């Protein structure tokens, strides 16, 4: 079953204000057990959403590469660091190393990552819905709801729970 990315994007756009207001309220007065609730909701969402039926993040959001990421992935390919960087990366306007172009060159036609075991830290952590003190990344959570159906569902379920 594929995920209707446009539907979730439209819903997220419609609810940007509502989501922002809710997340700001968590920053002002978070429940004592917020981290526990976040973990439960994150688990629920990812039992419903199969990322391999979507992979919108891999098509549209390029991860930021740390030096550790570059070293690990280059080693995986048995490449010298400068060769890997020249083939796949560029420095963006913020001075960060990112993919030269999207979609991710390691995303297969089957929506699976060909470097899954060595993927960048940013990919492993996306969409950041299992973080402690989730209210510290409100701006990122709001932004991710526009790209990631799981992030959208996470905010919706969190609203219901709190």
N, C-alpha and C. Protein backbone atom coordinates (compact mmCIF):
# COMPACT_ATOMS: atom_id res chain seq x y z
N UNK A 1 0.84 -1.18 0.00
CA UNK A 1 0.00 0.00 0.00
C UNK A 1 0.89 1.25 0.00
N UNK A 2 0.74 2.09 -1.00
CA UNK A 2 1.52 3.32 -1.03
C UNK A 2 0.83 4.40 -0.21
N UNK A 3 1.60 5.35 0.21
CA UNK A 3 1.11 6.43 1.05
C UNK A 3 0.84 7.65 0.16
N UNK A 4 -0.29 8.28 0.34
CA UNK A 4 -0.66 9.47 -0.44
C UNK A 4 0.05 10.69 0.15
N UNK A 5 1.24 10.95 -0.34
CA UNK A 5 2.10 12.02 0.18
C UNK A 5 1.43 13.38 0.02
N UNK A 6 0.80 13.59 -1.13
CA UNK A 6 0.13 14.89 -1.37
C UNK A 6 -0.98 15.14 -0.36
N UNK A 7 -1.74 14.11 -0.05
CA UNK A 7 -2.83 14.24 0.92
C UNK A 7 -2.27 14.68 2.28
N UNK A 8 -1.21 14.04 2.72
CA UNK A 8 -0.61 14.39 4.01
C UNK A 8 0.01 15.79 3.97
N UNK A 9 0.61 16.13 2.86
CA UNK A 9 1.19 17.48 2.72
C UNK A 9 0.09 18.54 2.84
N UNK A 10 -1.01 18.31 2.13
CA UNK A 10 -2.13 19.26 2.18
C UNK A 10 -2.70 19.38 3.59
N UNK A 11 -2.89 18.24 4.26
CA UNK A 11 -3.39 18.25 5.64
C UNK A 11 -2.43 19.01 6.55
N UNK A 12 -1.14 18.75 6.39
CA UNK A 12 -0.14 19.41 7.22
C UNK A 12 -0.15 20.92 6.98
N UNK A 13 -0.30 21.32 5.72
CA UNK A 13 -0.36 22.75 5.41
C UNK A 13 -1.57 23.40 6.08
N UNK A 14 -2.69 22.73 5.99
CA UNK A 14 -3.92 23.26 6.59
C UNK A 14 -3.80 23.40 8.11
N UNK A 15 -3.02 22.53 8.73
CA UNK A 15 -2.94 22.51 10.19
C UNK A 15 -1.66 23.13 10.75
N UNK A 16 -0.90 23.81 9.91
CA UNK A 16 0.35 24.41 10.38
C UNK A 16 0.15 25.28 11.62
N UNK A 17 -0.82 26.17 11.57
CA UNK A 17 -1.07 27.07 12.69
C UNK A 17 -1.47 26.32 13.95
N UNK A 18 -2.38 25.38 13.78
CA UNK A 18 -2.86 24.57 14.91
C UNK A 18 -1.71 23.76 15.53
N UNK A 19 -0.89 23.14 14.66
CA UNK A 19 0.23 22.35 15.14
C UNK A 19 1.25 23.24 15.87
N UNK A 20 1.53 24.39 15.28
CA UNK A 20 2.50 25.31 15.89
C UNK A 20 2.03 25.73 17.28
N UNK A 21 0.76 26.09 17.38
CA UNK A 21 0.18 26.53 18.66
C UNK A 21 0.27 25.39 19.69
N UNK A 22 -0.06 24.18 19.28
CA UNK A 22 0.01 23.03 20.18
C UNK A 22 1.44 22.80 20.67
N UNK A 23 2.39 22.79 19.76
CA UNK A 23 3.77 22.52 20.13
C UNK A 23 4.35 23.63 21.03
N UNK A 24 3.95 24.87 20.77
CA UNK A 24 4.38 25.98 21.63
C UNK A 24 3.82 25.78 23.04
N UNK A 25 2.58 25.29 23.13
CA UNK A 25 1.99 25.06 24.46
C UNK A 25 2.78 24.01 25.23
N UNK A 26 3.37 23.03 24.51
CA UNK A 26 4.20 22.01 25.18
C UNK A 26 5.48 22.63 25.73
N UNK A 27 5.98 23.61 25.00
CA UNK A 27 7.22 24.28 25.44
C UNK A 27 6.94 25.09 26.71
N UNK A 28 5.76 25.71 26.76
CA UNK A 28 5.40 26.54 27.92
C UNK A 28 5.12 25.69 29.15
N UNK A 29 4.38 24.61 28.96
CA UNK A 29 4.01 23.77 30.11
C UNK A 29 3.90 22.32 29.66
N UNK A 30 5.04 21.64 29.66
CA UNK A 30 5.06 20.24 29.24
C UNK A 30 4.59 19.34 30.38
N UNK A 31 3.79 18.33 30.06
CA UNK A 31 3.42 17.36 31.09
C UNK A 31 4.68 16.66 31.63
N UNK A 32 4.64 16.25 32.88
CA UNK A 32 5.80 15.60 33.50
C UNK A 32 6.25 14.36 32.73
N UNK A 33 5.30 13.64 32.17
CA UNK A 33 5.63 12.39 31.48
C UNK A 33 5.68 12.56 29.95
N UNK A 34 5.99 13.76 29.49
CA UNK A 34 6.00 14.03 28.05
C UNK A 34 6.91 13.08 27.28
N UNK A 35 8.12 12.86 27.76
CA UNK A 35 9.06 12.00 27.03
C UNK A 35 8.49 10.59 26.87
N UNK A 36 7.82 10.09 27.89
CA UNK A 36 7.22 8.76 27.83
C UNK A 36 6.07 8.74 26.81
N UNK A 37 5.24 9.78 26.83
CA UNK A 37 4.13 9.87 25.87
C UNK A 37 4.67 9.94 24.45
N UNK A 38 5.71 10.73 24.25
CA UNK A 38 6.34 10.88 22.93
C UNK A 38 6.80 9.52 22.42
N UNK A 39 7.46 8.73 23.28
CA UNK A 39 7.94 7.41 22.87
C UNK A 39 6.77 6.49 22.48
N UNK A 40 5.69 6.55 23.26
CA UNK A 40 4.52 5.71 22.96
C UNK A 40 3.90 6.11 21.62
N UNK A 41 3.71 7.40 21.43
CA UNK A 41 3.08 7.89 20.19
C UNK A 41 3.98 7.58 18.99
N UNK A 42 5.28 7.78 19.14
CA UNK A 42 6.23 7.46 18.07
C UNK A 42 6.08 5.98 17.67
N UNK A 43 6.03 5.11 18.67
CA UNK A 43 5.88 3.67 18.39
C UNK A 43 4.58 3.36 17.67
N UNK A 44 3.49 3.98 18.11
CA UNK A 44 2.19 3.78 17.46
C UNK A 44 2.23 4.20 15.99
N UNK A 45 2.79 5.37 15.76
CA UNK A 45 2.85 5.91 14.40
C UNK A 45 3.62 4.97 13.48
N UNK A 46 4.76 4.48 13.96
CA UNK A 46 5.57 3.64 13.09
C UNK A 46 5.10 2.20 13.01
N UNK A 47 4.08 1.86 13.78
CA UNK A 47 3.39 0.59 13.54
C UNK A 47 2.36 0.78 12.42
N UNK A 48 1.91 2.01 12.22
CA UNK A 48 0.94 2.33 11.16
C UNK A 48 1.61 2.68 9.83
N UNK A 49 2.70 3.39 9.91
CA UNK A 49 3.37 3.92 8.71
C UNK A 49 4.60 3.08 8.39
N UNK A 50 4.66 2.61 7.16
CA UNK A 50 5.82 1.89 6.66
C UNK A 50 6.59 2.86 5.77
N UNK A 51 7.74 3.28 6.25
CA UNK A 51 8.53 4.28 5.51
C UNK A 51 8.87 3.83 4.09
N UNK A 52 8.99 2.54 3.88
CA UNK A 52 9.34 2.07 2.53
C UNK A 52 8.19 2.21 1.55
N UNK A 53 6.99 2.54 2.06
CA UNK A 53 5.86 2.81 1.17
C UNK A 53 5.79 4.29 0.80
N UNK A 54 6.71 5.07 1.33
CA UNK A 54 6.69 6.51 1.14
C UNK A 54 8.04 7.00 0.59
N UNK A 55 9.03 6.98 1.43
CA UNK A 55 10.40 7.44 1.15
C UNK A 55 10.46 8.87 0.60
N UNK A 56 9.47 9.68 0.96
CA UNK A 56 9.46 11.07 0.50
C UNK A 56 10.68 11.84 1.02
N UNK A 57 11.13 11.51 2.22
CA UNK A 57 12.31 12.19 2.76
C UNK A 57 13.52 11.92 1.87
N UNK A 58 13.64 10.70 1.39
CA UNK A 58 14.78 10.32 0.54
C UNK A 58 14.69 10.94 -0.85
N UNK A 59 13.50 11.31 -1.24
CA UNK A 59 13.31 11.94 -2.55
C UNK A 59 13.48 13.45 -2.51
N UNK A 60 13.20 14.05 -1.34
CA UNK A 60 13.13 15.51 -1.33
C UNK A 60 14.00 16.21 -0.29
N UNK A 61 14.37 15.53 0.79
CA UNK A 61 15.18 16.17 1.83
C UNK A 61 16.57 15.56 1.86
N UNK A 62 17.53 16.33 1.51
CA UNK A 62 18.89 15.82 1.58
C UNK A 62 19.42 15.92 3.00
N UNK A 63 20.04 14.87 3.52
CA UNK A 63 20.59 14.94 4.87
C UNK A 63 21.86 15.78 4.90
N UNK A 64 22.14 16.30 6.05
CA UNK A 64 23.41 16.95 6.30
C UNK A 64 24.39 15.83 6.63
N UNK A 65 25.58 15.87 6.07
CA UNK A 65 26.58 14.84 6.31
C UNK A 65 27.61 15.32 7.31
N UNK A 66 27.80 14.55 8.38
CA UNK A 66 28.87 14.84 9.33
C UNK A 66 30.16 14.21 8.77
N UNK A 67 31.28 14.60 9.32
CA UNK A 67 32.55 13.98 8.90
C UNK A 67 32.52 12.48 9.20
N UNK A 68 31.91 12.11 10.33
CA UNK A 68 31.81 10.68 10.67
C UNK A 68 30.97 9.93 9.63
N UNK A 69 29.89 10.56 9.16
CA UNK A 69 29.05 9.95 8.11
C UNK A 69 29.88 9.72 6.84
N UNK A 70 30.60 10.74 6.44
CA UNK A 70 31.39 10.67 5.20
C UNK A 70 32.44 9.57 5.31
N UNK A 71 33.11 9.54 6.43
CA UNK A 71 34.15 8.53 6.65
C UNK A 71 33.56 7.13 6.61
N UNK A 72 32.45 6.92 7.32
CA UNK A 72 31.81 5.61 7.40
C UNK A 72 31.32 5.14 6.02
N UNK A 73 30.67 6.03 5.27
CA UNK A 73 30.10 5.63 3.98
C UNK A 73 31.21 5.43 2.94
N UNK A 74 32.21 6.30 2.95
CA UNK A 74 33.34 6.14 2.02
C UNK A 74 34.05 4.81 2.29
N UNK A 75 34.23 4.48 3.56
CA UNK A 75 34.86 3.20 3.93
C UNK A 75 34.01 2.04 3.42
N UNK A 76 32.69 2.16 3.55
CA UNK A 76 31.76 1.13 3.07
C UNK A 76 31.98 0.86 1.58
N UNK A 77 32.20 1.93 0.82
CA UNK A 77 32.42 1.81 -0.63
C UNK A 77 33.89 1.59 -0.99
N UNK A 78 34.74 1.56 0.04
CA UNK A 78 36.19 1.44 -0.16
C UNK A 78 36.70 2.56 -1.07
N UNK A 79 36.23 3.77 -0.76
CA UNK A 79 36.62 4.96 -1.52
C UNK A 79 37.44 5.89 -0.64
N UNK A 80 38.26 6.66 -1.25
CA UNK A 80 38.96 7.74 -0.53
C UNK A 80 37.92 8.84 -0.28
N UNK A 81 38.07 9.53 0.86
CA UNK A 81 37.10 10.57 1.22
C UNK A 81 36.90 11.61 0.12
N UNK A 82 37.99 12.17 -0.46
CA UNK A 82 37.77 13.20 -1.49
C UNK A 82 37.01 12.67 -2.71
N UNK A 83 37.21 11.41 -3.04
CA UNK A 83 36.51 10.81 -4.19
C UNK A 83 35.01 10.71 -3.88
N UNK A 84 34.68 10.22 -2.68
CA UNK A 84 33.27 10.12 -2.29
C UNK A 84 32.62 11.49 -2.31
N UNK A 85 33.30 12.48 -1.71
CA UNK A 85 32.74 13.83 -1.65
C UNK A 85 32.56 14.42 -3.04
N UNK A 86 33.52 14.20 -3.92
CA UNK A 86 33.42 14.75 -5.28
C UNK A 86 32.27 14.10 -6.05
N UNK A 87 32.07 12.81 -5.85
CA UNK A 87 31.01 12.09 -6.56
C UNK A 87 29.61 12.44 -6.06
N UNK A 88 29.46 12.61 -4.74
CA UNK A 88 28.12 12.69 -4.17
C UNK A 88 27.75 14.00 -3.47
N UNK A 89 28.72 14.75 -3.01
CA UNK A 89 28.39 15.85 -2.12
C UNK A 89 28.75 17.22 -2.69
N UNK A 90 28.14 18.22 -2.09
CA UNK A 90 28.46 19.62 -2.36
C UNK A 90 28.33 20.37 -1.04
N UNK A 91 28.87 21.57 -0.99
CA UNK A 91 28.72 22.40 0.20
C UNK A 91 27.60 23.40 -0.09
N UNK A 92 26.60 23.43 0.79
CA UNK A 92 25.46 24.32 0.56
C UNK A 92 25.74 25.73 1.09
N UNK A 93 24.73 26.58 0.99
CA UNK A 93 24.86 27.99 1.37
C UNK A 93 25.16 28.19 2.86
N UNK A 94 24.87 27.18 3.68
CA UNK A 94 25.16 27.26 5.12
C UNK A 94 26.53 26.66 5.46
N UNK A 95 27.22 26.17 4.44
CA UNK A 95 28.53 25.56 4.67
C UNK A 95 28.44 24.09 5.05
N UNK A 96 27.25 23.50 4.90
CA UNK A 96 27.05 22.09 5.24
C UNK A 96 27.28 21.21 4.01
N UNK A 97 27.73 20.00 4.25
CA UNK A 97 27.90 19.04 3.17
C UNK A 97 26.58 18.29 2.99
N UNK A 98 26.07 18.33 1.75
CA UNK A 98 24.79 17.71 1.41
C UNK A 98 24.94 17.03 0.05
N UNK A 99 23.92 16.26 -0.35
CA UNK A 99 23.96 15.63 -1.67
C UNK A 99 24.01 16.67 -2.77
N UNK A 100 24.68 16.33 -3.86
CA UNK A 100 24.73 17.22 -5.02
C UNK A 100 23.34 17.42 -5.61
N UNK A 101 22.55 16.36 -5.59
CA UNK A 101 21.19 16.46 -6.13
C UNK A 101 20.31 15.42 -5.46
N UNK A 102 19.04 15.63 -5.61
CA UNK A 102 18.05 14.71 -5.04
C UNK A 102 17.27 14.09 -6.18
N UNK A 103 16.66 12.93 -6.06
CA UNK A 103 16.56 12.13 -4.85
C UNK A 103 17.91 11.54 -4.44
N UNK A 104 17.95 10.97 -3.27
CA UNK A 104 19.15 10.35 -2.74
C UNK A 104 19.68 9.32 -3.74
N UNK A 105 20.97 9.39 -4.05
CA UNK A 105 21.52 8.44 -5.02
C UNK A 105 21.52 6.99 -4.51
N UNK A 106 21.27 6.80 -3.21
CA UNK A 106 21.29 5.46 -2.64
C UNK A 106 19.89 4.88 -2.45
N UNK A 107 18.88 5.61 -2.91
CA UNK A 107 17.50 5.13 -2.83
C UNK A 107 17.22 4.25 -4.05
N UNK A 108 16.81 3.02 -3.78
CA UNK A 108 16.52 2.09 -4.87
C UNK A 108 15.11 2.26 -5.40
N UNK A 109 14.83 1.65 -6.54
CA UNK A 109 13.49 1.67 -7.13
C UNK A 109 12.46 1.03 -6.21
N UNK A 110 12.92 0.19 -5.29
CA UNK A 110 12.05 -0.48 -4.34
C UNK A 110 11.84 0.35 -3.06
N UNK A 111 12.29 1.60 -3.09
CA UNK A 111 12.20 2.52 -1.94
C UNK A 111 13.09 2.10 -0.77
N UNK A 112 14.02 1.21 -1.00
CA UNK A 112 14.94 0.79 0.05
C UNK A 112 16.28 1.51 -0.10
N UNK A 113 16.94 1.71 1.01
CA UNK A 113 18.23 2.39 1.04
C UNK A 113 19.34 1.36 0.83
N UNK A 114 20.18 1.60 -0.16
CA UNK A 114 21.25 0.64 -0.44
C UNK A 114 22.41 0.75 0.55
N UNK A 115 22.42 1.80 1.38
CA UNK A 115 23.47 1.94 2.40
C UNK A 115 22.85 2.01 3.80
N UNK A 116 21.72 1.35 3.99
CA UNK A 116 20.94 1.47 5.22
C UNK A 116 21.78 1.29 6.49
N UNK A 117 22.64 0.30 6.52
CA UNK A 117 23.42 0.03 7.73
C UNK A 117 24.47 1.09 8.03
N UNK A 118 24.83 1.89 7.03
CA UNK A 118 25.85 2.94 7.23
C UNK A 118 25.31 4.33 6.90
N UNK A 119 23.99 4.46 6.79
CA UNK A 119 23.37 5.72 6.38
C UNK A 119 23.75 6.87 7.32
N UNK A 120 23.62 8.11 6.84
CA UNK A 120 23.96 9.27 7.67
C UNK A 120 23.12 9.34 8.95
N UNK A 121 23.68 9.96 9.96
CA UNK A 121 23.01 10.15 11.24
C UNK A 121 21.66 10.85 11.04
N UNK A 122 21.63 11.86 10.18
CA UNK A 122 20.38 12.60 9.93
C UNK A 122 19.28 11.68 9.39
N UNK A 123 19.65 10.71 8.59
CA UNK A 123 18.67 9.75 8.06
C UNK A 123 18.21 8.81 9.16
N UNK A 124 19.15 8.36 10.00
CA UNK A 124 18.78 7.44 11.10
C UNK A 124 17.81 8.09 12.06
N UNK A 125 17.95 9.39 12.30
CA UNK A 125 17.14 10.08 13.30
C UNK A 125 15.84 10.66 12.76
N UNK A 126 15.72 10.82 11.46
CA UNK A 126 14.53 11.42 10.86
C UNK A 126 13.31 10.55 11.14
N UNK A 127 12.15 11.10 11.45
CA UNK A 127 11.76 12.51 11.51
C UNK A 127 11.88 13.13 12.90
N UNK A 128 12.74 12.56 13.74
CA UNK A 128 13.04 13.13 15.07
C UNK A 128 11.84 13.11 16.02
N UNK A 129 10.94 12.19 15.83
CA UNK A 129 9.74 12.14 16.67
C UNK A 129 9.91 11.26 17.91
N UNK A 130 11.11 10.78 18.13
CA UNK A 130 11.34 9.98 19.34
C UNK A 130 12.33 10.67 20.28
N UNK A 131 12.52 11.96 20.07
CA UNK A 131 13.46 12.73 20.88
C UNK A 131 12.91 13.06 22.25
N UNK A 132 13.80 13.14 23.21
CA UNK A 132 13.42 13.67 24.52
C UNK A 132 13.30 15.17 24.37
N UNK A 133 12.47 15.77 25.20
CA UNK A 133 12.25 17.21 25.16
C UNK A 133 11.90 17.65 23.73
N UNK A 134 10.91 17.01 23.16
CA UNK A 134 10.49 17.24 21.77
C UNK A 134 10.21 18.71 21.49
N UNK A 135 9.78 19.45 22.50
CA UNK A 135 9.46 20.86 22.33
C UNK A 135 10.69 21.70 21.98
N UNK A 136 11.88 21.15 22.14
CA UNK A 136 13.09 21.90 21.78
C UNK A 136 13.30 21.96 20.27
N UNK A 137 12.57 21.13 19.54
CA UNK A 137 12.72 21.13 18.08
C UNK A 137 11.39 21.41 17.38
N UNK A 138 10.56 22.27 17.98
CA UNK A 138 9.24 22.58 17.41
C UNK A 138 9.32 22.99 15.94
N UNK A 139 10.26 23.87 15.63
CA UNK A 139 10.39 24.36 14.24
C UNK A 139 10.65 23.20 13.27
N UNK A 140 11.48 22.26 13.69
CA UNK A 140 11.81 21.12 12.85
C UNK A 140 10.61 20.17 12.71
N UNK A 141 9.91 19.94 13.81
CA UNK A 141 8.74 19.06 13.78
C UNK A 141 7.68 19.62 12.82
N UNK A 142 7.41 20.92 12.92
CA UNK A 142 6.43 21.56 12.02
C UNK A 142 6.86 21.40 10.56
N UNK A 143 8.14 21.67 10.31
CA UNK A 143 8.67 21.55 8.94
C UNK A 143 8.54 20.10 8.44
N UNK A 144 8.85 19.14 9.30
CA UNK A 144 8.81 17.74 8.88
C UNK A 144 7.40 17.23 8.60
N UNK A 145 6.38 17.84 9.22
CA UNK A 145 5.00 17.40 8.93
C UNK A 145 4.65 17.63 7.46
N UNK A 146 5.29 18.59 6.82
CA UNK A 146 5.01 18.89 5.41
C UNK A 146 5.60 17.85 4.46
N UNK A 147 6.61 17.14 4.92
CA UNK A 147 7.30 16.15 4.09
C UNK A 147 6.97 14.72 4.47
N UNK A 148 6.77 14.52 5.78
CA UNK A 148 6.70 13.16 6.31
C UNK A 148 5.32 12.86 6.90
N UNK A 149 4.58 11.93 6.30
CA UNK A 149 3.28 11.54 6.85
C UNK A 149 3.38 11.07 8.30
N UNK A 150 4.46 10.41 8.66
CA UNK A 150 4.62 9.94 10.04
C UNK A 150 4.75 11.12 11.01
N UNK A 151 5.45 12.16 10.61
CA UNK A 151 5.59 13.35 11.47
C UNK A 151 4.23 14.01 11.66
N UNK A 152 3.45 14.09 10.58
CA UNK A 152 2.11 14.66 10.66
C UNK A 152 1.25 13.85 11.63
N UNK A 153 1.22 12.53 11.45
CA UNK A 153 0.42 11.67 12.33
C UNK A 153 0.90 11.75 13.78
N UNK A 154 2.20 11.88 13.95
CA UNK A 154 2.77 12.00 15.29
C UNK A 154 2.18 13.22 16.02
N UNK A 155 2.18 14.37 15.36
CA UNK A 155 1.65 15.58 16.00
C UNK A 155 0.16 15.42 16.27
N UNK A 156 -0.57 14.86 15.31
CA UNK A 156 -2.01 14.65 15.50
C UNK A 156 -2.30 13.73 16.69
N UNK A 157 -1.57 12.64 16.79
CA UNK A 157 -1.79 11.69 17.88
C UNK A 157 -1.33 12.28 19.22
N UNK A 158 -0.26 13.04 19.19
CA UNK A 158 0.23 13.67 20.41
C UNK A 158 -0.80 14.67 20.94
N UNK A 159 -1.43 15.41 20.03
CA UNK A 159 -2.49 16.34 20.40
C UNK A 159 -3.65 15.61 21.09
N UNK A 160 -4.02 14.47 20.55
CA UNK A 160 -5.12 13.69 21.13
C UNK A 160 -4.77 13.20 22.53
N UNK A 161 -3.50 12.84 22.71
CA UNK A 161 -3.05 12.22 23.96
C UNK A 161 -2.87 13.22 25.09
N UNK A 162 -2.55 14.45 24.73
CA UNK A 162 -2.24 15.47 25.78
C UNK A 162 -3.41 16.42 25.98
